[in-house]
Amino acid sequence: MKVEFTAVFREVPEGYIAFVEELPGANTQGATLDEARANLREAVGLVLEANRELAEEEIGDAVVIREPLKLSA
């Protein structure tokens, strides 16, 4: 499944700060633009992983239906 997000990079004296518009909590920084990009990819993965774990904790032993959600622009 392919999902696209909007990465935003802002140059600051220390390098770059970066965040994803559609994913609160996915933000980082880097000394270079390439480093900020790599760090942002990692941050997105960590945010998604943490959200999955939080959802699992909240669901507990409840019976739920899980299915893929495909989005198209």
PDB file of N, CA and C in Angstrom:
ATOM      1  N   MET A   1       0.851  -1.170   0.000  1.00  0.00           N
ATOM      2  CA  MET A   1       0.000   0.000   0.000  1.00  0.00           C
ATOM      3  C   MET A   1       0.900   1.238   0.000  1.00  0.00           C
ATOM      4  N   LYS A   2       0.548   2.202  -0.809  1.00  0.00           N
ATOM      5  CA  LYS A   2       1.303   3.440  -0.892  1.00  0.00           C
ATOM      6  C   LYS A   2       0.506   4.567  -0.262  1.00  0.00           C
ATOM      7  N   VAL A   3       1.157   5.259   0.651  1.00  0.00           N
ATOM      8  CA  VAL A   3       0.551   6.402   1.313  1.00  0.00           C
ATOM      9  C   VAL A   3       1.514   7.567   1.163  1.00  0.00           C
ATOM     10  N   GLU A   4       0.991   8.716   0.839  1.00  0.00           N
ATOM     11  CA  GLU A   4       1.831   9.905   0.714  1.00  0.00           C
ATOM     12  C   GLU A   4       1.464  10.923   1.778  1.00  0.00           C
ATOM     13  N   PHE A   5       2.496  11.500   2.366  1.00  0.00           N
ATOM     14  CA  PHE A   5       2.337  12.573   3.331  1.00  0.00           C
ATOM     15  C   PHE A   5       3.045  13.810   2.795  1.00  0.00           C
ATOM     16  N   THR A   6       2.786  14.939   3.414  1.00  0.00           N
ATOM     17  CA  THR A   6       3.457  16.182   3.030  1.00  0.00           C
ATOM     18  C   THR A   6       4.534  16.497   4.064  1.00  0.00           C
ATOM     19  N   ALA A   7       5.782  16.409   3.625  1.00  0.00           N
ATOM     20  CA  ALA A   7       6.914  16.744   4.495  1.00  0.00           C
ATOM     21  C   ALA A   7       7.220  18.225   4.326  1.00  0.00           C
ATOM     22  N   VAL A   8       7.423  18.901   5.444  1.00  0.00           N
ATOM     23  CA  VAL A   8       7.738  20.324   5.431  1.00  0.00           C
ATOM     24  C   VAL A   8       9.114  20.500   6.077  1.00  0.00           C
ATOM     25  N   PHE A   9       9.997  21.206   5.384  1.00  0.00           N
ATOM     26  CA  PHE A   9      11.348  21.455   5.884  1.00  0.00           C
ATOM     27  C   PHE A   9      11.554  22.959   5.987  1.00  0.00           C
ATOM     28  N   ARG A  10      12.068  23.376   7.123  1.00  0.00           N
ATOM     29  CA  ARG A  10      12.329  24.802   7.335  1.00  0.00           C
ATOM     30  C   ARG A  10      13.785  24.980   7.730  1.00  0.00           C
ATOM     31  N   GLU A  11      14.467  25.836   6.989  1.00  0.00           N
ATOM     32  CA  GLU A  11      15.870  26.096   7.294  1.00  0.00           C
ATOM     33  C   GLU A  11      15.973  27.012   8.508  1.00  0.00           C
ATOM     34  N   VAL A  12      16.830  26.620   9.440  1.00  0.00           N
ATOM     35  CA  VAL A  12      17.106  27.399  10.650  1.00  0.00           C
ATOM     36  C   VAL A  12      18.631  27.485  10.782  1.00  0.00           C
ATOM     37  N   PRO A  13      19.128  28.359  11.632  1.00  0.00           N
ATOM     38  CA  PRO A  13      20.586  28.494  11.747  1.00  0.00           C
ATOM     39  C   PRO A  13      21.318  27.175  12.035  1.00  0.00           C
ATOM     40  N   GLU A  14      20.677  26.264  12.774  1.00  0.00           N
ATOM     41  CA  GLU A  14      21.314  24.995  13.133  1.00  0.00           C
ATOM     42  C   GLU A  14      21.203  23.940  12.046  1.00  0.00           C
ATOM     43  N   GLY A  15      20.438  24.190  11.003  1.00  0.00           N
ATOM     44  CA  GLY A  15      20.215  23.203   9.938  1.00  0.00           C
ATOM     45  C   GLY A  15      18.785  23.281   9.448  1.00  0.00           C
ATOM     46  N   TYR A  16      18.026  22.182   9.661  1.00  0.00           N
ATOM     47  CA  TYR A  16      16.637  22.120   9.203  1.00  0.00           C
ATOM     48  C   TYR A  16      15.760  21.488  10.275  1.00  0.00           C
ATOM     49  N   ILE A  17      14.559  22.007  10.401  1.00  0.00           N
ATOM     50  CA  ILE A  17      13.529  21.328  11.174  1.00  0.00           C
ATOM     51  C   ILE A  17      12.547  20.760  10.168  1.00  0.00           C
ATOM     52  N   ALA A  18      11.903  19.666  10.534  1.00  0.00           N
ATOM     53  CA  ALA A  18      11.019  18.982   9.594  1.00  0.00           C
ATOM     54  C   ALA A  18       9.819  18.412  10.333  1.00  0.00           C
ATOM     55  N   PHE A  19       8.697  18.403   9.637  1.00  0.00           N
ATOM     56  CA  PHE A  19       7.503  17.769  10.193  1.00  0.00           C
ATOM     57  C   PHE A  19       6.607  17.305   9.059  1.00  0.00           C
ATOM     58  N   VAL A  20       5.641  16.469   9.398  1.00  0.00           N
ATOM     59  CA  VAL A  20       4.654  15.976   8.441  1.00  0.00           C
ATOM     60  C   VAL A  20       3.334  16.641   8.774  1.00  0.00           C
ATOM     61  N   GLU A  21       2.776  17.340   7.790  1.00  0.00           N
ATOM     62  CA  GLU A  21       1.528  18.089   8.027  1.00  0.00           C
ATOM     63  C   GLU A  21       0.396  17.208   8.529  1.00  0.00           C
ATOM     64  N   GLU A  22       0.272  16.020   7.966  1.00  0.00           N
ATOM     65  CA  GLU A  22      -0.882  15.171   8.252  1.00  0.00           C
ATOM     66  C   GLU A  22      -0.702  14.247   9.457  1.00  0.00           C
ATOM     67  N   LEU A  23       0.465  14.270  10.078  1.00  0.00           N
ATOM     68  CA  LEU A  23       0.737  13.307  11.146  1.00  0.00           C
ATOM     69  C   LEU A  23       1.316  14.020  12.373  1.00  0.00           C
ATOM     70  N   PRO A  24       0.442  14.481  13.277  1.00  0.00           N
ATOM     71  CA  PRO A  24       0.933  15.163  14.474  1.00  0.00           C
ATOM     72  C   PRO A  24       1.932  14.291  15.225  1.00  0.00           C
ATOM     73  N   GLY A  25       2.991  14.918  15.685  1.00  0.00           N
ATOM     74  CA  GLY A  25       4.010  14.200  16.435  1.00  0.00           C
ATOM     75  C   GLY A  25       5.182  13.756  15.590  1.00  0.00           C
ATOM     76  N   ALA A  26       5.013  13.757  14.273  1.00  0.00           N
ATOM     77  CA  ALA A  26       6.110  13.365  13.379  1.00  0.00           C
ATOM     78  C   ALA A  26       6.907  14.616  13.042  1.00  0.00           C
ATOM     79  N   ASN A  27       7.896  14.887  13.866  1.00  0.00           N
ATOM     80  CA  ASN A  27       8.743  16.053  13.637  1.00  0.00           C
ATOM     81  C   ASN A  27      10.156  15.741  14.093  1.00  0.00           C
ATOM     82  N   THR A  28      11.123  16.447  13.511  1.00  0.00           N
ATOM     83  CA  THR A  28      12.521  16.172  13.801  1.00  0.00           C
ATOM     84  C   THR A  28      13.378  17.335  13.336  1.00  0.00           C
ATOM     85  N   GLN A  29      14.666  17.121  13.325  1.00  0.00           N
ATOM     86  CA  GLN A  29      15.596  18.117  12.821  1.00  0.00           C
ATOM     87  C   GLN A  29      16.821  17.415  12.265  1.00  0.00           C
ATOM     88  N   GLY A  30      17.655  18.171  11.572  1.00  0.00           N
ATOM     89  CA  GLY A  30      18.896  17.628  11.049  1.00  0.00           C
ATOM     90  C   GLY A  30      19.848  18.751  10.684  1.00  0.00           C
ATOM     91  N   ALA A  31      21.122  18.453  10.708  1.00  0.00           N
ATOM     92  CA  ALA A  31      22.125  19.457  10.356  1.00  0.00           C
ATOM     93  C   ALA A  31      22.074  19.797   8.875  1.00  0.00           C
ATOM     94  N   THR A  32      21.664  18.824   8.049  1.00  0.00           N
ATOM     95  CA  THR A  32      21.532  19.029   6.608  1.00  0.00           C
ATOM     96  C   THR A  32      20.131  18.625   6.185  1.00  0.00           C
ATOM     97  N   LEU A  33      19.755  19.003   4.984  1.00  0.00           N
ATOM     98  CA  LEU A  33      18.438  18.628   4.469  1.00  0.00           C
ATOM     99  C   LEU A  33      18.329  17.115   4.332  1.00  0.00           C
ATOM    100  N   ASP A  34      19.383  16.468   3.852  1.00  0.00           N
ATOM    101  CA  ASP A  34      19.356  15.006   3.724  1.00  0.00           C
ATOM    102  C   ASP A  34      19.198  14.325   5.085  1.00  0.00           C
ATOM    103  N   GLU A  35      19.892  14.852   6.086  1.00  0.00           N
ATOM    104  CA  GLU A  35      19.767  14.286   7.432  1.00  0.00           C
ATOM    105  C   GLU A  35      18.355  14.499   7.972  1.00  0.00           C
ATOM    106  N   ALA A  36      17.797  15.668   7.747  1.00  0.00           N
ATOM    107  CA  ALA A  36      16.424  15.942   8.198  1.00  0.00           C
ATOM    108  C   ALA A  36      15.434  15.011   7.514  1.00  0.00           C
ATOM    109  N   ARG A  37      15.635  14.763   6.223  1.00  0.00           N
ATOM    110  CA  ARG A  37      14.745  13.831   5.498  1.00  0.00           C
ATOM    111  C   ARG A  37      14.822  12.424   6.095  1.00  0.00           C
ATOM    112  N   ALA A  38      16.037  11.957   6.313  1.00  0.00           N
ATOM    113  CA  ALA A  38      16.206  10.608   6.878  1.00  0.00           C
ATOM    114  C   ALA A  38      15.602  10.532   8.278  1.00  0.00           C
ATOM    115  N   ASN A  39      15.842  11.553   9.077  1.00  0.00           N
ATOM    116  CA  ASN A  39      15.285  11.572  10.431  1.00  0.00           C
ATOM    117  C   ASN A  39      13.764  11.616  10.404  1.00  0.00           C
ATOM    118  N   LEU A  40      13.194  12.307   9.423  1.00  0.00           N
ATOM    119  CA  LEU A  40      11.738  12.397   9.334  1.00  0.00           C
ATOM    120  C   LEU A  40      11.131  11.052   8.952  1.00  0.00           C
ATOM    121  N   ARG A  41      11.780  10.327   8.061  1.00  0.00           N
ATOM    122  CA  ARG A  41      11.283   8.981   7.718  1.00  0.00           C
ATOM    123  C   ARG A  41      11.249   8.104   8.967  1.00  0.00           C
ATOM    124  N   GLU A  42      12.309   8.181   9.759  1.00  0.00           N
ATOM    125  CA  GLU A  42      12.362   7.403  10.994  1.00  0.00           C
ATOM    126  C   GLU A  42      11.280   7.862  11.971  1.00  0.00           C
ATOM    127  N   ALA A  43      11.092   9.169  12.100  1.00  0.00           N
ATOM    128  CA  ALA A  43      10.077   9.704  13.012  1.00  0.00           C
ATOM    129  C   ALA A  43       8.680   9.234  12.625  1.00  0.00           C
ATOM    130  N   VAL A  44       8.380   9.221  11.337  1.00  0.00           N
ATOM    131  CA  VAL A  44       7.065   8.748  10.877  1.00  0.00           C
ATOM    132  C   VAL A  44       6.872   7.293  11.281  1.00  0.00           C
ATOM    133  N   GLY A  45       7.878   6.476  11.053  1.00  0.00           N
ATOM    134  CA  GLY A  45       7.789   5.068  11.440  1.00  0.00           C
ATOM    135  C   GLY A  45       7.552   4.900  12.925  1.00  0.00           C
ATOM    136  N   LEU A  46       8.252   5.679  13.732  1.00  0.00           N
ATOM    137  CA  LEU A  46       8.100   5.585  15.181  1.00  0.00           C
ATOM    138  C   LEU A  46       6.724   6.046  15.644  1.00  0.00           C
ATOM    139  N   VAL A  47       6.197   7.103  15.040  1.00  0.00           N
ATOM    140  CA  VAL A  47       4.861   7.599  15.405  1.00  0.00           C
ATOM    141  C   VAL A  47       3.802   6.550  15.043  1.00  0.00           C
ATOM    142  N   LEU A  48       3.909   5.965  13.860  1.00  0.00           N
ATOM    143  CA  LEU A  48       2.933   4.943  13.459  1.00  0.00           C
ATOM    144  C   LEU A  48       3.010   3.723  14.372  1.00  0.00           C
ATOM    145  N   GLU A  49       4.211   3.315  14.711  1.00  0.00           N
ATOM    146  CA  GLU A  49       4.391   2.174  15.612  1.00  0.00           C
ATOM    147  C   GLU A  49       3.799   2.467  16.991  1.00  0.00           C
ATOM    148  N   ALA A  50       4.071   3.655  17.510  1.00  0.00           N
ATOM    149  CA  ALA A  50       3.531   4.031  18.823  1.00  0.00           C
ATOM    150  C   ALA A  50       2.007   4.092  18.794  1.00  0.00           C
ATOM    151  N   ASN A  51       1.443   4.623  17.706  1.00  0.00           N
ATOM    152  CA  ASN A  51      -0.018   4.696  17.599  1.00  0.00           C
ATOM    153  C   ASN A  51      -0.636   3.308  17.549  1.00  0.00           C
ATOM    154  N   ARG A  52       0.021   2.372  16.858  1.00  0.00           N
ATOM    155  CA  ARG A  52      -0.487   0.992  16.823  1.00  0.00           C
ATOM    156  C   ARG A  52      -0.486   0.385  18.222  1.00  0.00           C
ATOM    157  N   GLU A  53       0.618   0.591  18.945  1.00  0.00           N
ATOM    158  CA  GLU A  53       0.709   0.044  20.303  1.00  0.00           C
ATOM    159  C   GLU A  53      -0.350   0.645  21.225  1.00  0.00           C
ATOM    160  N   LEU A  54      -0.578   1.943  21.119  1.00  0.00           N
ATOM    161  CA  LEU A  54      -1.613   2.584  21.939  1.00  0.00           C
ATOM    162  C   LEU A  54      -2.997   2.039  21.594  1.00  0.00           C
ATOM    163  N   ALA A  55      -3.246   1.828  20.314  1.00  0.00           N
ATOM    164  CA  ALA A  55      -4.540   1.271  19.898  1.00  0.00           C
ATOM    165  C   ALA A  55      -4.716  -0.136  20.450  1.00  0.00           C
ATOM    166  N   GLU A  56      -3.665  -0.954  20.401  1.00  0.00           N
ATOM    167  CA  GLU A  56      -3.735  -2.320  20.937  1.00  0.00           C
ATOM    168  C   GLU A  56      -4.065  -2.298  22.424  1.00  0.00           C
ATOM    169  N   GLU A  57      -3.420  -1.390  23.159  1.00  0.00           N
ATOM    170  CA  GLU A  57      -3.690  -1.284  24.595  1.00  0.00           C
ATOM    171  C   GLU A  57      -5.140  -0.892  24.859  1.00  0.00           C
ATOM    172  N   GLU A  58      -5.649   0.042  24.071  1.00  0.00           N
ATOM    173  CA  GLU A  58      -7.020   0.508  24.267  1.00  0.00           C
ATOM    174  C   GLU A  58      -8.029  -0.574  23.896  1.00  0.00           C
ATOM    175  N   ILE A  59      -7.756  -1.319  22.843  1.00  0.00           N
ATOM    176  CA  ILE A  59      -8.667  -2.371  22.393  1.00  0.00           C
ATOM    177  C   ILE A  59      -8.703  -3.520  23.388  1.00  0.00           C
ATOM    178  N   GLY A  60      -7.532  -3.863  23.914  1.00  0.00           N
ATOM    179  CA  GLY A  60      -7.469  -4.959  24.878  1.00  0.00           C
ATOM    180  C   GLY A  60      -7.974  -6.253  24.272  1.00  0.00           C
ATOM    181  N   ASP A  61      -8.898  -6.906  24.969  1.00  0.00           N
ATOM    182  CA  ASP A  61      -9.442  -8.193  24.519  1.00  0.00           C
ATOM    183  C   ASP A  61     -10.721  -8.044  23.705  1.00  0.00           C
ATOM    184  N   ALA A  62     -11.095  -6.838  23.359  1.00  0.00           N
ATOM    185  CA  ALA A  62     -12.341  -6.623  22.614  1.00  0.00           C
ATOM    186  C   ALA A  62     -12.254  -7.282  21.241  1.00  0.00           C
ATOM    187  N   VAL A  63     -13.385  -7.717  20.761  1.00  0.00           N
ATOM    188  CA  VAL A  63     -13.472  -8.279  19.416  1.00  0.00           C
ATOM    189  C   VAL A  63     -13.632  -7.114  18.447  1.00  0.00           C
ATOM    190  N   VAL A  64     -12.728  -7.028  17.495  1.00  0.00           N
ATOM    191  CA  VAL A  64     -12.757  -5.926  16.521  1.00  0.00           C
ATOM    192  C   VAL A  64     -12.589  -6.472  15.115  1.00  0.00           C
ATOM    193  N   ILE A  65     -12.913  -5.669  14.144  1.00  0.00           N
ATOM    194  CA  ILE A  65     -12.699  -6.002  12.741  1.00  0.00           C
ATOM    195  C   ILE A  65     -11.564  -5.128  12.241  1.00  0.00           C
ATOM    196  N   ARG A  66     -10.578  -5.745  11.646  1.00  0.00           N
ATOM    197  CA  ARG A  66      -9.458  -5.014  11.046  1.00  0.00           C
ATOM    198  C   ARG A  66      -9.474  -5.264   9.550  1.00  0.00           C
ATOM    199  N   GLU A  67      -9.262  -4.200   8.802  1.00  0.00           N
ATOM    200  CA  GLU A  67      -9.190  -4.348   7.343  1.00  0.00           C
ATOM    201  C   GLU A  67      -8.326  -3.232   6.785  1.00  0.00           C
ATOM    202  N   PRO A  68      -7.709  -3.452   5.625  1.00  0.00           N
ATOM    203  CA  PRO A  68      -6.897  -2.406   4.994  1.00  0.00           C
ATOM    204  C   PRO A  68      -7.766  -1.211   4.621  1.00  0.00           C
ATOM    205  N   LEU A  69      -7.199  -0.045   4.719  1.00  0.00           N
ATOM    206  CA  LEU A  69      -7.869   1.188   4.332  1.00  0.00           C
ATOM    207  C   LEU A  69      -7.031   1.823   3.233  1.00  0.00           C
ATOM    208  N   LYS A  70      -7.552   1.817   2.032  1.00  0.00           N
ATOM    209  CA  LYS A  70      -6.835   2.402   0.904  1.00  0.00           C
ATOM    210  C   LYS A  70      -7.357   3.797   0.633  1.00  0.00           C
ATOM    211  N   LEU A  71      -6.445   4.724   0.479  1.00  0.00           N
ATOM    212  CA  LEU A  71      -6.816   6.112   0.235  1.00  0.00           C
ATOM    213  C   LEU A  71      -6.375   6.522  -1.152  1.00  0.00           C
ATOM    214  N   SER A  72      -7.189   7.314  -1.820  1.00  0.00           N
ATOM    215  CA  SER A  72      -6.780   7.867  -3.094  1.00  0.00           C
ATOM    216  C   SER A  72      -7.060   9.359  -3.076  1.00  0.00           C
ATOM    217  N   ALA A  73      -6.150  10.094  -3.664  1.00  0.00           N
ATOM    218  CA  ALA A  73      -6.277  11.553  -3.632  1.00  0.00           C
ATOM    219  C   ALA A  73      -7.284  12.058  -4.630  1.00  0.00           C
TER     220      ALA A  73
END
